């Protein structure tokens, strides 16, 4: 487990930079002509599902927004205070709202409340996975 924690500490900064790249420049993204904000929860996601023909595209978009953020549920490894679920969620909400705002102001994306919700769900799932593994490894005694 110590090896995995050390590996996580090394990889998470690079993973964070990779995600930031995707959020601002990935997927052939270019600057919008106008600033776009979507504040009605799940409205854009439901619209996306209705307008998209391929289920693969739907799954990649929705589950990608969740799964790509699961690793941030393990941030307690690097920052022990983030082993508190609510503190982690509040800190993450601050960060993701800041990032969504930057997408809005730079017009290199859209401020979409659905992204905030789905990304936060990913962090919550990651936190639960981390807690399960951490308890399992700490409850075992090796002689």
N, C-alpha and C. Protein backbone atom coordinates (compact mmCIF):
# COMPACT_ATOMS: atom_id res chain seq x y z
N UNK A 1 0.83 -1.20 0.00
CA UNK A 1 0.00 0.00 0.00
C UNK A 1 0.87 1.26 0.00
N UNK A 2 2.00 1.23 0.70
CA UNK A 2 2.88 2.39 0.73
C UNK A 2 3.41 2.73 -0.66
N UNK A 3 3.71 1.68 -1.46
CA UNK A 3 4.17 1.91 -2.82
C UNK A 3 3.10 2.62 -3.64
N UNK A 4 1.84 2.18 -3.50
CA UNK A 4 0.75 2.81 -4.24
C UNK A 4 0.54 4.26 -3.83
N UNK A 5 0.70 4.53 -2.54
CA UNK A 5 0.56 5.91 -2.07
C UNK A 5 1.67 6.79 -2.63
N UNK A 6 2.89 6.28 -2.65
CA UNK A 6 4.00 7.04 -3.22
C UNK A 6 3.79 7.27 -4.72
N UNK A 7 3.33 6.24 -5.40
CA UNK A 7 3.06 6.36 -6.83
C UNK A 7 1.97 7.40 -7.09
N UNK A 8 0.93 7.38 -6.28
CA UNK A 8 -0.16 8.36 -6.41
C UNK A 8 0.37 9.78 -6.23
N UNK A 9 1.20 9.97 -5.20
CA UNK A 9 1.76 11.30 -4.95
C UNK A 9 2.57 11.82 -6.13
N UNK A 10 3.21 10.91 -6.84
CA UNK A 10 4.01 11.30 -8.01
C UNK A 10 3.12 11.56 -9.22
N UNK A 11 2.10 10.71 -9.42
CA UNK A 11 1.30 10.78 -10.63
C UNK A 11 0.17 11.80 -10.61
N UNK A 12 -0.40 12.10 -9.45
CA UNK A 12 -1.59 12.97 -9.42
C UNK A 12 -1.32 14.38 -9.96
N UNK A 13 -0.16 14.98 -9.74
CA UNK A 13 0.06 16.30 -10.37
C UNK A 13 0.04 16.23 -11.90
N UNK A 14 0.64 15.17 -12.46
CA UNK A 14 0.66 15.02 -13.91
C UNK A 14 -0.75 14.74 -14.44
N UNK A 15 -1.49 13.93 -13.70
CA UNK A 15 -2.87 13.62 -14.09
C UNK A 15 -3.72 14.89 -14.06
N UNK A 16 -3.50 15.72 -13.06
CA UNK A 16 -4.23 16.98 -12.94
C UNK A 16 -3.94 17.88 -14.15
N UNK A 17 -2.68 17.99 -14.51
CA UNK A 17 -2.31 18.79 -15.68
C UNK A 17 -2.92 18.24 -16.96
N UNK A 18 -2.94 16.91 -17.08
CA UNK A 18 -3.55 16.26 -18.23
C UNK A 18 -5.04 16.60 -18.33
N UNK A 19 -5.74 16.52 -17.20
CA UNK A 19 -7.17 16.85 -17.19
C UNK A 19 -7.40 18.32 -17.52
N UNK A 20 -6.57 19.19 -16.98
CA UNK A 20 -6.71 20.62 -17.30
C UNK A 20 -6.51 20.86 -18.79
N UNK A 21 -5.54 20.16 -19.36
CA UNK A 21 -5.33 20.27 -20.80
C UNK A 21 -6.60 19.85 -21.56
N UNK A 22 -7.18 18.70 -21.17
CA UNK A 22 -8.40 18.23 -21.83
C UNK A 22 -9.54 19.23 -21.67
N UNK A 23 -9.65 19.81 -20.49
CA UNK A 23 -10.76 20.71 -20.19
C UNK A 23 -10.67 22.04 -20.96
N UNK A 24 -9.46 22.44 -21.32
CA UNK A 24 -9.30 23.72 -22.01
C UNK A 24 -8.92 23.59 -23.48
N UNK A 25 -8.18 22.54 -23.83
CA UNK A 25 -7.66 22.45 -25.19
C UNK A 25 -7.97 21.13 -25.88
N UNK A 26 -8.38 20.12 -25.15
CA UNK A 26 -8.59 18.79 -25.72
C UNK A 26 -9.83 18.68 -26.58
N UNK A 27 -9.91 17.55 -27.28
CA UNK A 27 -11.08 17.22 -28.10
C UNK A 27 -11.30 18.25 -29.22
N UNK A 28 -10.22 18.83 -29.73
CA UNK A 28 -10.33 19.79 -30.82
C UNK A 28 -11.03 21.07 -30.42
N UNK A 29 -10.97 21.39 -29.14
CA UNK A 29 -11.67 22.56 -28.60
C UNK A 29 -11.08 23.85 -29.16
N UNK A 30 -11.96 24.76 -29.50
CA UNK A 30 -11.53 26.10 -29.91
C UNK A 30 -12.38 27.11 -29.16
N UNK A 31 -11.95 28.33 -29.22
CA UNK A 31 -12.62 29.37 -28.44
C UNK A 31 -14.00 29.67 -29.02
N UNK A 32 -15.01 29.71 -28.15
CA UNK A 32 -16.37 30.06 -28.56
C UNK A 32 -16.43 31.56 -28.87
N UNK A 33 -17.41 31.92 -29.68
CA UNK A 33 -17.62 33.33 -30.00
C UNK A 33 -18.26 34.09 -28.84
N UNK A 34 -19.00 33.38 -28.01
CA UNK A 34 -19.68 33.99 -26.87
C UNK A 34 -19.41 33.17 -25.62
N UNK A 35 -19.65 33.79 -24.47
CA UNK A 35 -19.55 33.08 -23.20
C UNK A 35 -20.86 32.30 -22.99
N UNK A 36 -20.73 31.05 -22.57
CA UNK A 36 -21.91 30.22 -22.37
C UNK A 36 -21.93 29.71 -20.93
N UNK A 37 -23.09 29.81 -20.31
CA UNK A 37 -23.26 29.29 -18.95
C UNK A 37 -24.56 28.48 -18.92
N UNK A 38 -24.50 27.31 -18.31
CA UNK A 38 -25.67 26.43 -18.18
C UNK A 38 -25.86 26.14 -16.70
N UNK A 39 -26.91 26.69 -16.13
CA UNK A 39 -27.11 26.58 -14.68
C UNK A 39 -28.30 25.71 -14.27
N UNK A 40 -29.05 25.19 -15.23
CA UNK A 40 -30.17 24.31 -14.88
C UNK A 40 -29.63 22.89 -14.78
N UNK A 41 -29.67 22.31 -13.58
CA UNK A 41 -29.09 20.97 -13.39
C UNK A 41 -29.69 19.91 -14.31
N UNK A 42 -28.82 19.17 -14.95
CA UNK A 42 -29.10 18.03 -15.82
C UNK A 42 -29.84 18.40 -17.10
N UNK A 43 -30.12 19.66 -17.33
CA UNK A 43 -30.80 20.09 -18.55
C UNK A 43 -29.93 19.81 -19.78
N UNK A 44 -28.67 20.22 -19.73
CA UNK A 44 -27.80 20.02 -20.89
C UNK A 44 -27.48 18.54 -21.09
N UNK A 45 -27.39 17.79 -20.00
CA UNK A 45 -27.10 16.36 -20.12
C UNK A 45 -28.27 15.63 -20.77
N UNK A 46 -29.47 15.93 -20.33
CA UNK A 46 -30.66 15.31 -20.93
C UNK A 46 -30.76 15.72 -22.40
N UNK A 47 -30.52 16.98 -22.71
CA UNK A 47 -30.53 17.45 -24.10
C UNK A 47 -29.47 16.74 -24.94
N UNK A 48 -28.30 16.56 -24.37
CA UNK A 48 -27.21 15.86 -25.06
C UNK A 48 -27.62 14.42 -25.38
N UNK A 49 -28.25 13.75 -24.42
CA UNK A 49 -28.70 12.37 -24.62
C UNK A 49 -29.75 12.31 -25.73
N UNK A 50 -30.69 13.24 -25.72
CA UNK A 50 -31.76 13.26 -26.73
C UNK A 50 -31.21 13.52 -28.14
N UNK A 51 -30.17 14.37 -28.24
CA UNK A 51 -29.66 14.77 -29.54
C UNK A 51 -28.58 13.85 -30.10
N UNK A 52 -28.02 13.00 -29.26
CA UNK A 52 -26.91 12.15 -29.68
C UNK A 52 -27.43 10.82 -30.19
N UNK A 53 -26.92 10.41 -31.32
CA UNK A 53 -27.36 9.18 -31.95
C UNK A 53 -26.65 7.97 -31.36
N UNK A 54 -25.35 8.07 -31.15
CA UNK A 54 -24.55 6.93 -30.70
C UNK A 54 -24.51 6.83 -29.17
N UNK A 55 -24.88 5.68 -28.66
CA UNK A 55 -24.82 5.45 -27.20
C UNK A 55 -23.38 5.52 -26.70
N UNK A 56 -22.44 5.12 -27.55
CA UNK A 56 -21.03 5.19 -27.15
C UNK A 56 -20.64 6.62 -26.80
N UNK A 57 -21.09 7.57 -27.58
CA UNK A 57 -20.79 8.99 -27.34
C UNK A 57 -21.40 9.44 -26.01
N UNK A 58 -22.61 8.99 -25.74
CA UNK A 58 -23.29 9.34 -24.49
C UNK A 58 -22.53 8.77 -23.30
N UNK A 59 -22.18 7.50 -23.39
CA UNK A 59 -21.48 6.83 -22.29
C UNK A 59 -20.13 7.48 -22.04
N UNK A 60 -19.38 7.73 -23.12
CA UNK A 60 -18.06 8.36 -22.98
C UNK A 60 -18.19 9.73 -22.34
N UNK A 61 -19.15 10.52 -22.76
CA UNK A 61 -19.29 11.87 -22.23
C UNK A 61 -19.73 11.87 -20.77
N UNK A 62 -20.79 11.15 -20.46
CA UNK A 62 -21.33 11.19 -19.11
C UNK A 62 -20.44 10.44 -18.12
N UNK A 63 -20.11 9.19 -18.45
CA UNK A 63 -19.28 8.42 -17.52
C UNK A 63 -17.85 8.94 -17.49
N UNK A 64 -17.40 9.52 -18.61
CA UNK A 64 -16.08 10.14 -18.62
C UNK A 64 -16.01 11.28 -17.64
N UNK A 65 -17.06 12.09 -17.58
CA UNK A 65 -17.11 13.20 -16.62
C UNK A 65 -17.10 12.72 -15.18
N UNK A 66 -17.54 11.51 -14.95
CA UNK A 66 -17.50 10.94 -13.60
C UNK A 66 -16.16 10.23 -13.37
N UNK A 67 -15.84 9.27 -14.24
CA UNK A 67 -14.67 8.42 -14.03
C UNK A 67 -13.34 9.18 -14.03
N UNK A 68 -13.25 10.23 -14.85
CA UNK A 68 -11.99 10.98 -14.92
C UNK A 68 -11.66 11.68 -13.60
N UNK A 69 -12.65 11.83 -12.73
CA UNK A 69 -12.42 12.55 -11.48
C UNK A 69 -12.35 11.63 -10.26
N UNK A 70 -12.54 10.33 -10.47
CA UNK A 70 -12.43 9.36 -9.37
C UNK A 70 -11.06 9.46 -8.67
N UNK A 71 -9.95 9.60 -9.39
CA UNK A 71 -8.65 9.68 -8.70
C UNK A 71 -8.54 10.81 -7.67
N UNK A 72 -9.33 11.86 -7.82
CA UNK A 72 -9.26 12.96 -6.86
C UNK A 72 -9.92 12.60 -5.53
N UNK A 73 -10.65 11.52 -5.50
CA UNK A 73 -11.20 11.03 -4.23
C UNK A 73 -10.13 10.46 -3.32
N UNK A 74 -8.94 10.24 -3.87
CA UNK A 74 -7.81 9.69 -3.12
C UNK A 74 -6.87 10.78 -2.61
N UNK A 75 -7.27 12.04 -2.72
CA UNK A 75 -6.38 13.14 -2.34
C UNK A 75 -5.97 13.13 -0.87
N UNK A 76 -6.69 12.38 -0.05
CA UNK A 76 -6.31 12.24 1.35
C UNK A 76 -4.93 11.63 1.51
N UNK A 77 -4.46 10.92 0.49
CA UNK A 77 -3.10 10.36 0.51
C UNK A 77 -2.08 11.49 0.58
N UNK A 78 -2.31 12.54 -0.20
CA UNK A 78 -1.38 13.66 -0.28
C UNK A 78 -1.68 14.70 0.80
N UNK A 79 -2.96 14.95 1.03
CA UNK A 79 -3.40 15.95 2.00
C UNK A 79 -4.28 15.27 3.04
N UNK A 80 -3.72 14.85 4.18
CA UNK A 80 -4.48 14.09 5.18
C UNK A 80 -5.79 14.75 5.62
N UNK A 81 -5.87 16.07 5.62
CA UNK A 81 -7.12 16.72 6.02
C UNK A 81 -8.26 16.36 5.07
N UNK A 82 -7.92 15.95 3.84
CA UNK A 82 -8.94 15.59 2.86
C UNK A 82 -9.44 14.16 3.02
N UNK A 83 -9.07 13.52 4.12
CA UNK A 83 -9.67 12.23 4.48
C UNK A 83 -11.05 12.45 5.08
N UNK A 84 -11.41 13.69 5.27
CA UNK A 84 -12.76 14.07 5.70
C UNK A 84 -13.59 14.30 4.44
N UNK A 85 -14.66 13.51 4.28
CA UNK A 85 -15.46 13.55 3.06
C UNK A 85 -15.96 14.96 2.74
N UNK A 86 -16.58 15.62 3.70
CA UNK A 86 -17.18 16.92 3.43
C UNK A 86 -16.14 17.99 3.12
N UNK A 87 -14.99 17.91 3.76
CA UNK A 87 -13.93 18.86 3.46
C UNK A 87 -13.40 18.63 2.04
N UNK A 88 -13.24 17.37 1.67
CA UNK A 88 -12.81 17.05 0.31
C UNK A 88 -13.81 17.58 -0.71
N UNK A 89 -15.09 17.32 -0.48
CA UNK A 89 -16.13 17.75 -1.42
C UNK A 89 -16.16 19.28 -1.52
N UNK A 90 -16.09 19.96 -0.39
CA UNK A 90 -16.10 21.43 -0.42
C UNK A 90 -14.89 22.00 -1.15
N UNK A 91 -13.72 21.44 -0.85
CA UNK A 91 -12.50 21.89 -1.53
C UNK A 91 -12.59 21.62 -3.04
N UNK A 92 -13.09 20.43 -3.38
CA UNK A 92 -13.22 20.10 -4.79
C UNK A 92 -14.23 21.01 -5.48
N UNK A 93 -15.35 21.26 -4.83
CA UNK A 93 -16.35 22.16 -5.42
C UNK A 93 -15.75 23.54 -5.69
N UNK A 94 -14.96 24.03 -4.76
CA UNK A 94 -14.30 25.32 -4.97
C UNK A 94 -13.42 25.25 -6.22
N UNK A 95 -12.62 24.18 -6.32
CA UNK A 95 -11.69 24.05 -7.44
C UNK A 95 -12.42 23.88 -8.77
N UNK A 96 -13.44 23.03 -8.81
CA UNK A 96 -14.11 22.76 -10.09
C UNK A 96 -14.94 23.96 -10.53
N UNK A 97 -15.51 24.69 -9.58
CA UNK A 97 -16.24 25.91 -9.95
C UNK A 97 -15.27 26.97 -10.48
N UNK A 98 -14.09 27.05 -9.90
CA UNK A 98 -13.06 27.95 -10.42
C UNK A 98 -12.67 27.57 -11.85
N UNK A 99 -12.47 26.28 -12.09
CA UNK A 99 -12.08 25.81 -13.42
C UNK A 99 -13.21 26.05 -14.43
N UNK A 100 -14.43 25.74 -14.05
CA UNK A 100 -15.57 25.99 -14.93
C UNK A 100 -15.69 27.49 -15.23
N UNK A 101 -15.42 28.32 -14.24
CA UNK A 101 -15.46 29.78 -14.43
C UNK A 101 -14.38 30.22 -15.41
N UNK A 102 -13.20 29.64 -15.28
CA UNK A 102 -12.11 29.96 -16.22
C UNK A 102 -12.47 29.53 -17.64
N UNK A 103 -13.14 28.39 -17.77
CA UNK A 103 -13.60 27.98 -19.10
C UNK A 103 -14.58 29.03 -19.65
N UNK A 104 -15.45 29.50 -18.81
CA UNK A 104 -16.43 30.51 -19.22
C UNK A 104 -15.73 31.81 -19.65
N UNK A 105 -14.84 32.32 -18.80
CA UNK A 105 -14.21 33.61 -19.08
C UNK A 105 -13.25 33.56 -20.26
N UNK A 106 -12.58 32.42 -20.45
CA UNK A 106 -11.66 32.30 -21.59
C UNK A 106 -12.40 31.86 -22.86
N UNK A 107 -13.66 31.45 -22.70
CA UNK A 107 -14.48 30.91 -23.78
C UNK A 107 -13.86 29.66 -24.39
N UNK A 108 -13.02 28.97 -23.61
CA UNK A 108 -12.45 27.70 -24.04
C UNK A 108 -13.27 26.54 -23.47
N UNK A 109 -14.49 26.80 -23.22
CA UNK A 109 -15.41 25.82 -22.69
C UNK A 109 -16.65 26.54 -22.22
N UNK A 110 -17.48 25.80 -21.52
CA UNK A 110 -18.76 26.29 -21.06
C UNK A 110 -18.83 26.09 -19.55
N UNK A 111 -19.38 27.06 -18.83
CA UNK A 111 -19.66 26.82 -17.42
C UNK A 111 -20.95 26.01 -17.39
N UNK A 112 -20.82 24.74 -17.04
CA UNK A 112 -21.96 23.82 -17.05
C UNK A 112 -22.11 23.18 -15.68
N UNK A 113 -23.23 23.45 -15.03
CA UNK A 113 -23.49 22.89 -13.70
C UNK A 113 -23.49 21.36 -13.74
N UNK A 114 -23.85 20.78 -14.88
CA UNK A 114 -23.82 19.33 -15.00
C UNK A 114 -22.40 18.79 -14.84
N UNK A 115 -21.43 19.50 -15.38
CA UNK A 115 -20.04 19.08 -15.21
C UNK A 115 -19.65 19.11 -13.73
N UNK A 116 -20.07 20.15 -13.04
CA UNK A 116 -19.79 20.26 -11.60
C UNK A 116 -20.40 19.07 -10.87
N UNK A 117 -21.63 18.74 -11.18
CA UNK A 117 -22.32 17.63 -10.51
C UNK A 117 -21.65 16.30 -10.83
N UNK A 118 -21.41 16.03 -12.11
CA UNK A 118 -20.83 14.74 -12.52
C UNK A 118 -19.40 14.59 -12.02
N UNK A 119 -18.60 15.66 -12.11
CA UNK A 119 -17.21 15.60 -11.63
C UNK A 119 -17.17 15.37 -10.12
N UNK A 120 -18.05 16.02 -9.39
CA UNK A 120 -18.11 15.85 -7.94
C UNK A 120 -18.57 14.44 -7.58
N UNK A 121 -19.48 13.89 -8.36
CA UNK A 121 -19.89 12.49 -8.13
C UNK A 121 -18.69 11.57 -8.30
N UNK A 122 -17.84 11.85 -9.27
CA UNK A 122 -16.63 11.06 -9.47
C UNK A 122 -15.71 11.13 -8.26
N UNK A 123 -15.54 12.31 -7.71
CA UNK A 123 -14.69 12.47 -6.52
C UNK A 123 -15.29 11.69 -5.34
N UNK A 124 -16.61 11.77 -5.18
CA UNK A 124 -17.28 11.06 -4.09
C UNK A 124 -17.10 9.55 -4.23
N UNK A 125 -17.24 9.05 -5.44
CA UNK A 125 -17.03 7.62 -5.69
C UNK A 125 -15.59 7.24 -5.38
N UNK A 126 -14.65 8.06 -5.83
CA UNK A 126 -13.23 7.81 -5.55
C UNK A 126 -12.95 7.80 -4.06
N UNK A 127 -13.56 8.72 -3.32
CA UNK A 127 -13.38 8.77 -1.87
C UNK A 127 -13.87 7.47 -1.23
N UNK A 128 -15.02 6.99 -1.65
CA UNK A 128 -15.57 5.74 -1.09
C UNK A 128 -14.66 4.56 -1.40
N UNK A 129 -14.14 4.50 -2.61
CA UNK A 129 -13.21 3.43 -2.99
C UNK A 129 -11.95 3.51 -2.14
N UNK A 130 -11.41 4.71 -2.00
CA UNK A 130 -10.19 4.91 -1.19
C UNK A 130 -10.42 4.48 0.25
N UNK A 131 -11.55 4.87 0.82
CA UNK A 131 -11.84 4.50 2.21
C UNK A 131 -11.97 2.99 2.37
N UNK A 132 -12.60 2.33 1.41
CA UNK A 132 -12.73 0.87 1.48
C UNK A 132 -11.37 0.19 1.45
N UNK A 133 -10.52 0.60 0.51
CA UNK A 133 -9.19 0.01 0.41
C UNK A 133 -8.33 0.36 1.61
N UNK A 134 -8.41 1.58 2.07
CA UNK A 134 -7.59 2.00 3.20
C UNK A 134 -7.96 1.22 4.46
N UNK A 135 -9.24 1.05 4.70
CA UNK A 135 -9.68 0.27 5.87
C UNK A 135 -9.28 -1.19 5.74
N UNK A 136 -9.40 -1.74 4.54
CA UNK A 136 -9.06 -3.14 4.32
C UNK A 136 -7.58 -3.39 4.60
N UNK A 137 -6.72 -2.50 4.11
CA UNK A 137 -5.28 -2.69 4.29
C UNK A 137 -4.83 -2.35 5.71
N UNK A 138 -5.48 -1.40 6.36
CA UNK A 138 -5.09 -1.06 7.72
C UNK A 138 -5.66 -2.01 8.75
N UNK A 139 -6.71 -2.74 8.41
CA UNK A 139 -7.30 -3.68 9.37
C UNK A 139 -6.55 -5.00 9.39
N UNK A 140 -5.74 -5.27 8.38
CA UNK A 140 -4.98 -6.52 8.34
C UNK A 140 -3.69 -6.36 9.14
N UNK A 141 -3.36 -7.41 9.82
CA UNK A 141 -2.07 -7.43 10.54
C UNK A 141 -1.19 -8.49 9.93
N UNK A 142 -0.03 -8.07 9.55
CA UNK A 142 0.91 -9.01 8.98
C UNK A 142 1.98 -9.33 10.02
N UNK A 143 2.26 -10.62 10.18
CA UNK A 143 3.22 -11.04 11.20
C UNK A 143 4.58 -11.26 10.60
